[in-house]
Amino acid sequence: MATDYDAPRKNDDDINEDSIEELKSRRADKQSSNVDVDETEAAEGFELPGADLSGEEMSVRVLPRQADEFTCTQCFLVHHRSQLAGEGSSGPVCRECAA
């Protein structure tokens, strides 16, 4: 809301003189600006866990692991060789898991 700095300001006496009816009408005006939302329309946009996605196709191209990459045996993510912290008892471990 824009403020008019040239307008006269209310002092404490003016604020206390606001009528109860005026305050009630201001409260009613603020409440009337709420928008009703149709719950069924809003719920249609959500996907539920366990939904049948068998008819969906992937839109992302998946590349196989490259020669300079490894799969961490702790977090099972594919990392570049520069992220290799060392070889654990079960295989390669990334820096994040080794920390």
PDB file of N, CA and C in Angstrom:
ATOM      1  N   MET A   1       0.836  -1.161   0.000  1.00  0.00           N
ATOM      2  CA  MET A   1       0.000   0.000   0.000  1.00  0.00           C
ATOM      3  C   MET A   1       0.890   1.236   0.000  1.00  0.00           C
ATOM      4  N   ALA A   2       0.590   2.191  -0.854  1.00  0.00           N
ATOM      5  CA  ALA A   2       1.373   3.413  -0.949  1.00  0.00           C
ATOM      6  C   ALA A   2       1.068   4.320   0.234  1.00  0.00           C
ATOM      7  N   THR A   3       2.076   5.055   0.657  1.00  0.00           N
ATOM      8  CA  THR A   3       1.922   5.974   1.784  1.00  0.00           C
ATOM      9  C   THR A   3       2.038   7.399   1.280  1.00  0.00           C
ATOM     10  N   ASP A   4       1.090   8.218   1.663  1.00  0.00           N
ATOM     11  CA  ASP A   4       1.124   9.635   1.321  1.00  0.00           C
ATOM     12  C   ASP A   4       1.787  10.364   2.477  1.00  0.00           C
ATOM     13  N   TYR A   5       3.038  10.764   2.281  1.00  0.00           N
ATOM     14  CA  TYR A   5       3.781  11.390   3.359  1.00  0.00           C
ATOM     15  C   TYR A   5       3.364  12.841   3.599  1.00  0.00           C
ATOM     16  N   ASP A   6       2.619  13.441   2.657  1.00  0.00           N
ATOM     17  CA  ASP A   6       2.162  14.819   2.821  1.00  0.00           C
ATOM     18  C   ASP A   6       0.843  14.899   3.574  1.00  0.00           C
ATOM     19  N   ALA A   7       0.142  13.808   3.723  1.00  0.00           N
ATOM     20  CA  ALA A   7      -1.151  13.822   4.412  1.00  0.00           C
ATOM     21  C   ALA A   7      -0.925  14.008   5.909  1.00  0.00           C
ATOM     22  N   PRO A   8      -1.867  14.684   6.564  1.00  0.00           N
ATOM     23  CA  PRO A   8      -1.718  14.867   8.020  1.00  0.00           C
ATOM     24  C   PRO A   8      -1.781  13.517   8.726  1.00  0.00           C
ATOM     25  N   ARG A   9      -0.971  13.376   9.739  1.00  0.00           N
ATOM     26  CA  ARG A   9      -0.897  12.117  10.471  1.00  0.00           C
ATOM     27  C   ARG A   9      -1.873  12.131  11.631  1.00  0.00           C
ATOM     28  N   LYS A  10      -2.373  10.951  11.963  1.00  0.00           N
ATOM     29  CA  LYS A  10      -3.270  10.820  13.109  1.00  0.00           C
ATOM     30  C   LYS A  10      -2.438  10.751  14.381  1.00  0.00           C
ATOM     31  N   ASN A  11      -2.907  11.402  15.413  1.00  0.00           N
ATOM     32  CA  ASN A  11      -2.243  11.266  16.701  1.00  0.00           C
ATOM     33  C   ASN A  11      -3.006  10.241  17.537  1.00  0.00           C
ATOM     34  N   ASP A  12      -2.596  10.012  18.762  1.00  0.00           N
ATOM     35  CA  ASP A  12      -3.213   8.987  19.605  1.00  0.00           C
ATOM     36  C   ASP A  12      -4.682   9.275  19.870  1.00  0.00           C
ATOM     37  N   ASP A  13      -5.059  10.555  19.992  1.00  0.00           N
ATOM     38  CA  ASP A  13      -6.457  10.907  20.255  1.00  0.00           C
ATOM     39  C   ASP A  13      -7.339  10.535  19.069  1.00  0.00           C
ATOM     40  N   ASP A  14      -6.843  10.766  17.839  1.00  0.00           N
ATOM     41  CA  ASP A  14      -7.629  10.433  16.646  1.00  0.00           C
ATOM     42  C   ASP A  14      -7.816   8.924  16.507  1.00  0.00           C
ATOM     43  N   ILE A  15      -6.802   8.169  16.851  1.00  0.00           N
ATOM     44  CA  ILE A  15      -6.884   6.721  16.725  1.00  0.00           C
ATOM     45  C   ILE A  15      -7.910   6.164  17.703  1.00  0.00           C
ATOM     46  N   ASN A  16      -7.940   6.701  18.929  1.00  0.00           N
ATOM     47  CA  ASN A  16      -8.881   6.231  19.938  1.00  0.00           C
ATOM     48  C   ASN A  16     -10.317   6.615  19.610  1.00  0.00           C
ATOM     49  N   GLU A  17     -10.522   7.618  18.745  1.00  0.00           N
ATOM     50  CA  GLU A  17     -11.865   8.076  18.408  1.00  0.00           C
ATOM     51  C   GLU A  17     -12.513   7.264  17.291  1.00  0.00           C
ATOM     52  N   ASP A  18     -11.791   6.328  16.674  1.00  0.00           N
ATOM     53  CA  ASP A  18     -12.394   5.485  15.634  1.00  0.00           C
ATOM     54  C   ASP A  18     -13.580   4.743  16.228  1.00  0.00           C
ATOM     55  N   SER A  19     -14.683   4.791  15.518  1.00  0.00           N
ATOM     56  CA  SER A  19     -15.885   4.157  16.047  1.00  0.00           C
ATOM     57  C   SER A  19     -15.799   2.642  15.917  1.00  0.00           C
ATOM     58  N   ILE A  20     -16.528   1.966  16.753  1.00  0.00           N
ATOM     59  CA  ILE A  20     -16.570   0.504  16.741  1.00  0.00           C
ATOM     60  C   ILE A  20     -17.136   0.005  15.416  1.00  0.00           C
ATOM     61  N   GLU A  21     -18.126   0.712  14.877  1.00  0.00           N
ATOM     62  CA  GLU A  21     -18.728   0.301  13.607  1.00  0.00           C
ATOM     63  C   GLU A  21     -17.710   0.389  12.467  1.00  0.00           C
ATOM     64  N   GLU A  22     -16.896   1.452  12.492  1.00  0.00           N
ATOM     65  CA  GLU A  22     -15.888   1.606  11.449  1.00  0.00           C
ATOM     66  C   GLU A  22     -14.854   0.486  11.534  1.00  0.00           C
ATOM     67  N   LEU A  23     -14.452   0.130  12.731  1.00  0.00           N
ATOM     68  CA  LEU A  23     -13.496  -0.956  12.906  1.00  0.00           C
ATOM     69  C   LEU A  23     -14.081  -2.287  12.459  1.00  0.00           C
ATOM     70  N   LYS A  24     -15.369  -2.519  12.738  1.00  0.00           N
ATOM     71  CA  LYS A  24     -16.017  -3.759  12.299  1.00  0.00           C
ATOM     72  C   LYS A  24     -16.091  -3.824  10.779  1.00  0.00           C
ATOM     73  N   SER A  25     -16.381  -2.683  10.148  1.00  0.00           N
ATOM     74  CA  SER A  25     -16.478  -2.681   8.683  1.00  0.00           C
ATOM     75  C   SER A  25     -15.109  -2.928   8.055  1.00  0.00           C
ATOM     76  N   ARG A  26     -14.052  -2.401   8.662  1.00  0.00           N
ATOM     77  CA  ARG A  26     -12.705  -2.664   8.140  1.00  0.00           C
ATOM     78  C   ARG A  26     -12.363  -4.157   8.239  1.00  0.00           C
ATOM     79  N   ARG A  27     -12.742  -4.766   9.362  1.00  0.00           N
ATOM     80  CA  ARG A  27     -12.475  -6.188   9.544  1.00  0.00           C
ATOM     81  C   ARG A  27     -13.259  -7.012   8.527  1.00  0.00           C
ATOM     82  N   ALA A  28     -14.505  -6.637   8.268  1.00  0.00           N
ATOM     83  CA  ALA A  28     -15.324  -7.359   7.293  1.00  0.00           C
ATOM     84  C   ALA A  28     -14.752  -7.215   5.891  1.00  0.00           C
ATOM     85  N   ASP A  29     -14.205  -6.028   5.571  1.00  0.00           N
ATOM     86  CA  ASP A  29     -13.605  -5.818   4.255  1.00  0.00           C
ATOM     87  C   ASP A  29     -12.379  -6.708   4.070  1.00  0.00           C
ATOM     88  N   LYS A  30     -11.576  -6.855   5.102  1.00  0.00           N
ATOM     89  CA  LYS A  30     -10.381  -7.692   5.001  1.00  0.00           C
ATOM     90  C   LYS A  30     -10.761  -9.160   4.833  1.00  0.00           C
ATOM     91  N   GLN A  31     -11.803  -9.608   5.498  1.00  0.00           N
ATOM     92  CA  GLN A  31     -12.219 -10.996   5.415  1.00  0.00           C
ATOM     93  C   GLN A  31     -12.869 -11.310   4.079  1.00  0.00           C
ATOM     94  N   SER A  32     -13.489 -10.341   3.458  1.00  0.00           N
ATOM     95  CA  SER A  32     -14.192 -10.606   2.208  1.00  0.00           C
ATOM     96  C   SER A  32     -13.247 -10.810   1.036  1.00  0.00           C
ATOM     97  N   SER A  33     -11.960 -10.514   1.206  1.00  0.00           N
ATOM     98  CA  SER A  33     -11.026 -10.660   0.100  1.00  0.00           C
ATOM     99  C   SER A  33     -10.526 -12.089  -0.050  1.00  0.00           C
ATOM    100  N   ASN A  34     -10.917 -12.998   0.839  1.00  0.00           N
ATOM    101  CA  ASN A  34     -10.497 -14.396   0.730  1.00  0.00           C
ATOM    102  C   ASN A  34     -11.133 -15.043  -0.489  1.00  0.00           C
ATOM    103  N   VAL A  35     -10.361 -15.883  -1.167  1.00  0.00           N
ATOM    104  CA  VAL A  35     -10.831 -16.564  -2.361  1.00  0.00           C
ATOM    105  C   VAL A  35     -11.212 -17.988  -1.989  1.00  0.00           C
ATOM    106  N   ASP A  36     -12.384 -18.419  -2.427  1.00  0.00           N
ATOM    107  CA  ASP A  36     -12.804 -19.800  -2.182  1.00  0.00           C
ATOM    108  C   ASP A  36     -12.091 -20.720  -3.168  1.00  0.00           C
ATOM    109  N   VAL A  37     -11.520 -21.787  -2.648  1.00  0.00           N
ATOM    110  CA  VAL A  37     -10.789 -22.743  -3.466  1.00  0.00           C
ATOM    111  C   VAL A  37     -11.577 -24.041  -3.489  1.00  0.00           C
ATOM    112  N   ASP A  38     -11.795 -24.557  -4.688  1.00  0.00           N
ATOM    113  CA  ASP A  38     -12.482 -25.834  -4.832  1.00  0.00           C
ATOM    114  C   ASP A  38     -11.492 -26.944  -4.478  1.00  0.00           C
ATOM    115  N   GLU A  39     -11.774 -27.673  -3.422  1.00  0.00           N
ATOM    116  CA  GLU A  39     -10.842 -28.686  -2.944  1.00  0.00           C
ATOM    117  C   GLU A  39     -10.666 -29.822  -3.933  1.00  0.00           C
ATOM    118  N   THR A  40     -11.709 -30.177  -4.660  1.00  0.00           N
ATOM    119  CA  THR A  40     -11.572 -31.285  -5.611  1.00  0.00           C
ATOM    120  C   THR A  40     -10.664 -30.891  -6.769  1.00  0.00           C
ATOM    121  N   GLU A  41     -10.730 -29.635  -7.222  1.00  0.00           N
ATOM    122  CA  GLU A  41      -9.843 -29.191  -8.296  1.00  0.00           C
ATOM    123  C   GLU A  41      -8.403 -29.172  -7.825  1.00  0.00           C
ATOM    124  N   ALA A  42      -8.177 -28.724  -6.601  1.00  0.00           N
ATOM    125  CA  ALA A  42      -6.820 -28.664  -6.071  1.00  0.00           C
ATOM    126  C   ALA A  42      -6.254 -30.066  -5.890  1.00  0.00           C
ATOM    127  N   ALA A  43      -7.071 -31.022  -5.510  1.00  0.00           N
ATOM    128  CA  ALA A  43      -6.601 -32.385  -5.260  1.00  0.00           C
ATOM    129  C   ALA A  43      -6.263 -33.129  -6.541  1.00  0.00           C
ATOM    130  N   GLU A  44      -6.828 -32.725  -7.676  1.00  0.00           N
ATOM    131  CA  GLU A  44      -6.555 -33.428  -8.929  1.00  0.00           C
ATOM    132  C   GLU A  44      -5.116 -33.252  -9.386  1.00  0.00           C
ATOM    133  N   GLY A  45      -4.444 -32.194  -8.960  1.00  0.00           N
ATOM    134  CA  GLY A  45      -3.073 -31.943  -9.380  1.00  0.00           C
ATOM    135  C   GLY A  45      -2.040 -32.717  -8.601  1.00  0.00           C
ATOM    136  N   PHE A  46      -2.411 -33.383  -7.511  1.00  0.00           N
ATOM    137  CA  PHE A  46      -1.455 -34.117  -6.695  1.00  0.00           C
ATOM    138  C   PHE A  46      -1.359 -35.569  -7.149  1.00  0.00           C
ATOM    139  N   GLU A  47      -0.124 -36.083  -7.139  1.00  0.00           N
ATOM    140  CA  GLU A  47       0.072 -37.500  -7.437  1.00  0.00           C
ATOM    141  C   GLU A  47       0.209 -38.252  -6.128  1.00  0.00           C
ATOM    142  N   LEU A  48      -0.497 -39.326  -6.002  1.00  0.00           N
ATOM    143  CA  LEU A  48      -0.455 -40.119  -4.777  1.00  0.00           C
ATOM    144  C   LEU A  48       0.648 -41.163  -4.854  1.00  0.00           C
ATOM    145  N   PRO A  49       1.276 -41.490  -3.712  1.00  0.00           N
ATOM    146  CA  PRO A  49       2.284 -42.552  -3.719  1.00  0.00           C
ATOM    147  C   PRO A  49       1.648 -43.876  -4.134  1.00  0.00           C
ATOM    148  N   GLY A  50       2.369 -44.633  -4.898  1.00  0.00           N
ATOM    149  CA  GLY A  50       1.865 -45.923  -5.350  1.00  0.00           C
ATOM    150  C   GLY A  50       0.957 -45.812  -6.558  1.00  0.00           C
ATOM    151  N   ALA A  51       0.919 -44.629  -7.192  1.00  0.00           N
ATOM    152  CA  ALA A  51       0.070 -44.457  -8.375  1.00  0.00           C
ATOM    153  C   ALA A  51       0.619 -45.302  -9.520  1.00  0.00           C
ATOM    154  N   ASP A  52      -0.254 -45.766 -10.399  1.00  0.00           N
ATOM    155  CA  ASP A  52       0.145 -46.595 -11.530  1.00  0.00           C
ATOM    156  C   ASP A  52       0.762 -45.707 -12.607  1.00  0.00           C
ATOM    157  N   LEU A  53       2.058 -45.812 -12.776  1.00  0.00           N
ATOM    158  CA  LEU A  53       2.778 -45.021 -13.774  1.00  0.00           C
ATOM    159  C   LEU A  53       3.289 -45.900 -14.907  1.00  0.00           C
ATOM    160  N   SER A  54       2.674 -47.060 -15.099  1.00  0.00           N
ATOM    161  CA  SER A  54       3.157 -47.995 -16.114  1.00  0.00           C
ATOM    162  C   SER A  54       2.999 -47.454 -17.528  1.00  0.00           C
ATOM    163  N   GLY A  55       2.057 -46.535 -17.745  1.00  0.00           N
ATOM    164  CA  GLY A  55       1.859 -45.978 -19.081  1.00  0.00           C
ATOM    165  C   GLY A  55       2.719 -44.763 -19.361  1.00  0.00           C
ATOM    166  N   GLU A  56       3.477 -44.310 -18.376  1.00  0.00           N
ATOM    167  CA  GLU A  56       4.308 -43.120 -18.542  1.00  0.00           C
ATOM    168  C   GLU A  56       5.632 -43.476 -19.200  1.00  0.00           C
ATOM    169  N   GLU A  57       6.186 -42.527 -19.966  1.00  0.00           N
ATOM    170  CA  GLU A  57       7.479 -42.717 -20.598  1.00  0.00           C
ATOM    171  C   GLU A  57       8.468 -41.727 -20.017  1.00  0.00           C
ATOM    172  N   MET A  58       9.734 -42.136 -19.915  1.00  0.00           N
ATOM    173  CA  MET A  58      10.762 -41.235 -19.403  1.00  0.00           C
ATOM    174  C   MET A  58      11.107 -40.204 -20.456  1.00  0.00           C
ATOM    175  N   SER A  59      11.303 -38.976 -20.018  1.00  0.00           N
ATOM    176  CA  SER A  59      11.693 -37.933 -20.959  1.00  0.00           C
ATOM    177  C   SER A  59      13.143 -37.519 -20.747  1.00  0.00           C
ATOM    178  N   VAL A  60      13.899 -38.314 -19.987  1.00  0.00           N
ATOM    179  CA  VAL A  60      15.296 -38.020 -19.699  1.00  0.00           C
ATOM    180  C   VAL A  60      16.153 -39.121 -20.303  1.00  0.00           C
ATOM    181  N   ARG A  61      17.226 -38.731 -20.931  1.00  0.00           N
ATOM    182  CA  ARG A  61      18.126 -39.717 -21.517  1.00  0.00           C
ATOM    183  C   ARG A  61      19.102 -40.176 -20.442  1.00  0.00           C
ATOM    184  N   VAL A  62      19.181 -41.455 -20.201  1.00  0.00           N
ATOM    185  CA  VAL A  62      20.052 -42.029 -19.180  1.00  0.00           C
ATOM    186  C   VAL A  62      21.308 -42.559 -19.858  1.00  0.00           C
ATOM    187  N   LEU A  63      22.454 -42.100 -19.351  1.00  0.00           N
ATOM    188  CA  LEU A  63      23.731 -42.548 -19.899  1.00  0.00           C
ATOM    189  C   LEU A  63      24.329 -43.606 -18.993  1.00  0.00           C
ATOM    190  N   PRO A  64      25.017 -44.594 -19.550  1.00  0.00           N
ATOM    191  CA  PRO A  64      25.690 -45.582 -18.706  1.00  0.00           C
ATOM    192  C   PRO A  64      26.900 -44.939 -18.015  1.00  0.00           C
ATOM    193  N   ARG A  65      27.378 -45.576 -16.964  1.00  0.00           N
ATOM    194  CA  ARG A  65      28.536 -45.060 -16.238  1.00  0.00           C
ATOM    195  C   ARG A  65      29.732 -44.970 -17.176  1.00  0.00           C
ATOM    196  N   GLN A  66      30.429 -43.840 -17.143  1.00  0.00           N
ATOM    197  CA  GLN A  66      31.570 -43.604 -18.020  1.00  0.00           C
ATOM    198  C   GLN A  66      32.832 -44.218 -17.418  1.00  0.00           C
ATOM    199  N   ALA A  67      33.898 -44.260 -18.205  1.00  0.00           N
ATOM    200  CA  ALA A  67      35.151 -44.882 -17.769  1.00  0.00           C
ATOM    201  C   ALA A  67      35.797 -44.115 -16.620  1.00  0.00           C
ATOM    202  N   ASP A  68      35.573 -42.807 -16.539  1.00  0.00           N
ATOM    203  CA  ASP A  68      36.186 -42.003 -15.476  1.00  0.00           C
ATOM    204  C   ASP A  68      35.243 -41.780 -14.293  1.00  0.00           C
ATOM    205  N   GLU A  69      34.248 -42.652 -14.111  1.00  0.00           N
ATOM    206  CA  GLU A  69      33.286 -42.536 -13.016  1.00  0.00           C
ATOM    207  C   GLU A  69      33.272 -43.823 -12.200  1.00  0.00           C
ATOM    208  N   PHE A  70      32.770 -43.729 -10.982  1.00  0.00           N
ATOM    209  CA  PHE A  70      32.642 -44.901 -10.115  1.00  0.00           C
ATOM    210  C   PHE A  70      31.335 -44.788  -9.339  1.00  0.00           C
ATOM    211  N   THR A  71      30.842 -45.904  -8.844  1.00  0.00           N
ATOM    212  CA  THR A  71      29.639 -45.929  -8.012  1.00  0.00           C
ATOM    213  C   THR A  71      30.073 -46.140  -6.574  1.00  0.00           C
ATOM    214  N   CYS A  72      29.694 -45.198  -5.715  1.00  0.00           N
ATOM    215  CA  CYS A  72      30.038 -45.286  -4.301  1.00  0.00           C
ATOM    216  C   CYS A  72      29.267 -46.446  -3.671  1.00  0.00           C
ATOM    217  N   THR A  73      29.955 -47.238  -2.856  1.00  0.00           N
ATOM    218  CA  THR A  73      29.307 -48.388  -2.219  1.00  0.00           C
ATOM    219  C   THR A  73      28.545 -47.988  -0.954  1.00  0.00           C
ATOM    220  N   GLN A  74      28.663 -46.735  -0.527  1.00  0.00           N
ATOM    221  CA  GLN A  74      27.933 -46.249   0.646  1.00  0.00           C
ATOM    222  C   GLN A  74      26.608 -45.600   0.240  1.00  0.00           C
ATOM    223  N   CYS A  75      26.662 -44.620  -0.704  1.00  0.00           N
ATOM    224  CA  CYS A  75      25.455 -43.868  -1.090  1.00  0.00           C
ATOM    225  C   CYS A  75      24.887 -44.321  -2.431  1.00  0.00           C
ATOM    226  N   PHE A  76      25.621 -45.165  -3.153  1.00  0.00           N
ATOM    227  CA  PHE A  76      25.191 -45.726  -4.450  1.00  0.00           C
ATOM    228  C   PHE A  76      24.985 -44.665  -5.521  1.00  0.00           C
ATOM    229  N   LEU A  77      25.672 -43.531  -5.400  1.00  0.00           N
ATOM    230  CA  LEU A  77      25.635 -42.497  -6.427  1.00  0.00           C
ATOM    231  C   LEU A  77      26.851 -42.642  -7.324  1.00  0.00           C
ATOM    232  N   VAL A  78      26.696 -42.223  -8.578  1.00  0.00           N
ATOM    233  CA  VAL A  78      27.804 -42.252  -9.528  1.00  0.00           C
ATOM    234  C   VAL A  78      28.545 -40.923  -9.426  1.00  0.00           C
ATOM    235  N   HIS A  79      29.853 -40.999  -9.170  1.00  0.00           N
ATOM    236  CA  HIS A  79      30.704 -39.812  -9.019  1.00  0.00           C
ATOM    237  C   HIS A  79      31.846 -39.859 -10.020  1.00  0.00           C
ATOM    238  N   HIS A  80      32.452 -38.698 -10.264  1.00  0.00           N
ATOM    239  CA  HIS A  80      33.661 -38.616 -11.074  1.00  0.00           C
ATOM    240  C   HIS A  80      34.827 -39.146 -10.245  1.00  0.00           C
ATOM    241  N   ARG A  81      35.863 -39.650 -10.894  1.00  0.00           N
ATOM    242  CA  ARG A  81      37.027 -40.215 -10.191  1.00  0.00           C
ATOM    243  C   ARG A  81      37.689 -39.198  -9.254  1.00  0.00           C
ATOM    244  N   SER A  82      37.513 -37.911  -9.514  1.00  0.00           N
ATOM    245  CA  SER A  82      38.116 -36.890  -8.647  1.00  0.00           C
ATOM    246  C   SER A  82      37.458 -36.874  -7.265  1.00  0.00           C
ATOM    247  N   GLN A  83      36.290 -37.485  -7.108  1.00  0.00           N
ATOM    248  CA  GLN A  83      35.584 -37.544  -5.828  1.00  0.00           C
ATOM    249  C   GLN A  83      35.894 -38.815  -5.044  1.00  0.00           C
ATOM    250  N   LEU A  84      36.784 -39.643  -5.560  1.00  0.00           N
ATOM    251  CA  LEU A  84      37.125 -40.906  -4.905  1.00  0.00           C
ATOM    252  C   LEU A  84      37.981 -40.643  -3.672  1.00  0.00           C
ATOM    253  N   ALA A  85      37.511 -41.094  -2.506  1.00  0.00           N
ATOM    254  CA  ALA A  85      38.262 -40.930  -1.258  1.00  0.00           C
ATOM    255  C   ALA A  85      39.160 -42.135  -1.014  1.00  0.00           C
ATOM    256  N   GLY A  86      38.742 -43.275  -1.451  1.00  0.00           N
ATOM    257  CA  GLY A  86      39.542 -44.487  -1.252  1.00  0.00           C
ATOM    258  C   GLY A  86      38.693 -45.719  -1.464  1.00  0.00           C
ATOM    259  N   GLU A  87      39.343 -46.842  -1.331  1.00  0.00           N
ATOM    260  CA  GLU A  87      38.656 -48.123  -1.486  1.00  0.00           C
ATOM    261  C   GLU A  87      38.326 -48.644  -0.092  1.00  0.00           C
ATOM    262  N   GLY A  88      37.042 -48.855   0.158  1.00  0.00           N
ATOM    263  CA  GLY A  88      36.625 -49.434   1.433  1.00  0.00           C
ATOM    264  C   GLY A  88      36.655 -50.943   1.347  1.00  0.00           C
ATOM    265  N   SER A  89      36.177 -51.610   2.376  1.00  0.00           N
ATOM    266  CA  SER A  89      36.172 -53.068   2.383  1.00  0.00           C
ATOM    267  C   SER A  89      35.217 -53.627   1.326  1.00  0.00           C
ATOM    268  N   SER A  90      34.177 -52.852   0.994  1.00  0.00           N
ATOM    269  CA  SER A  90      33.211 -53.329   0.002  1.00  0.00           C
ATOM    270  C   SER A  90      33.396 -52.694  -1.372  1.00  0.00           C
ATOM    271  N   GLY A  91      34.298 -51.716  -1.502  1.00  0.00           N
ATOM    272  CA  GLY A  91      34.535 -51.094  -2.789  1.00  0.00           C
ATOM    273  C   GLY A  91      34.815 -49.608  -2.655  1.00  0.00           C
ATOM    274  N   PRO A  92      34.729 -48.868  -3.772  1.00  0.00           N
ATOM    275  CA  PRO A  92      35.067 -47.441  -3.748  1.00  0.00           C
ATOM    276  C   PRO A  92      34.078 -46.625  -2.907  1.00  0.00           C
ATOM    277  N   VAL A  93      34.625 -45.577  -2.210  1.00  0.00           N
ATOM    278  CA  VAL A  93      33.829 -44.701  -1.358  1.00  0.00           C
ATOM    279  C   VAL A  93      34.108 -43.267  -1.783  1.00  0.00           C
ATOM    280  N   CYS A  94      33.049 -42.462  -1.900  1.00  0.00           N
ATOM    281  CA  CYS A  94      33.214 -41.055  -2.288  1.00  0.00           C
ATOM    282  C   CYS A  94      33.674 -40.202  -1.098  1.00  0.00           C
ATOM    283  N   ARG A  95      34.105 -38.983  -1.363  1.00  0.00           N
ATOM    284  CA  ARG A  95      34.596 -38.082  -0.312  1.00  0.00           C
ATOM    285  C   ARG A  95      33.507 -37.746   0.703  1.00  0.00           C
ATOM    286  N   GLU A  96      32.277 -37.549   0.244  1.00  0.00           N
ATOM    287  CA  GLU A  96      31.192 -37.184   1.147  1.00  0.00           C
ATOM    288  C   GLU A  96      30.909 -38.288   2.165  1.00  0.00           C
ATOM    289  N   CYS A  97      30.908 -39.533   1.704  1.00  0.00           N
ATOM    290  CA  CYS A  97      30.630 -40.646   2.613  1.00  0.00           C
ATOM    291  C   CYS A  97      31.820 -40.924   3.523  1.00  0.00           C
ATOM    292  N   ALA A  98      33.032 -40.648   3.061  1.00  0.00           N
ATOM    293  CA  ALA A  98      34.235 -40.906   3.853  1.00  0.00           C
ATOM    294  C   ALA A  98      34.388 -39.876   4.968  1.00  0.00           C
ATOM    295  N   ALA A  99      33.790 -38.705   4.804  1.00  0.00           N
ATOM    296  CA  ALA A  99      33.958 -37.630   5.814  1.00  0.00           C
ATOM    297  C   ALA A  99      33.201 -37.914   7.094  1.00  0.00           C
TER     298      ALA A  99
END
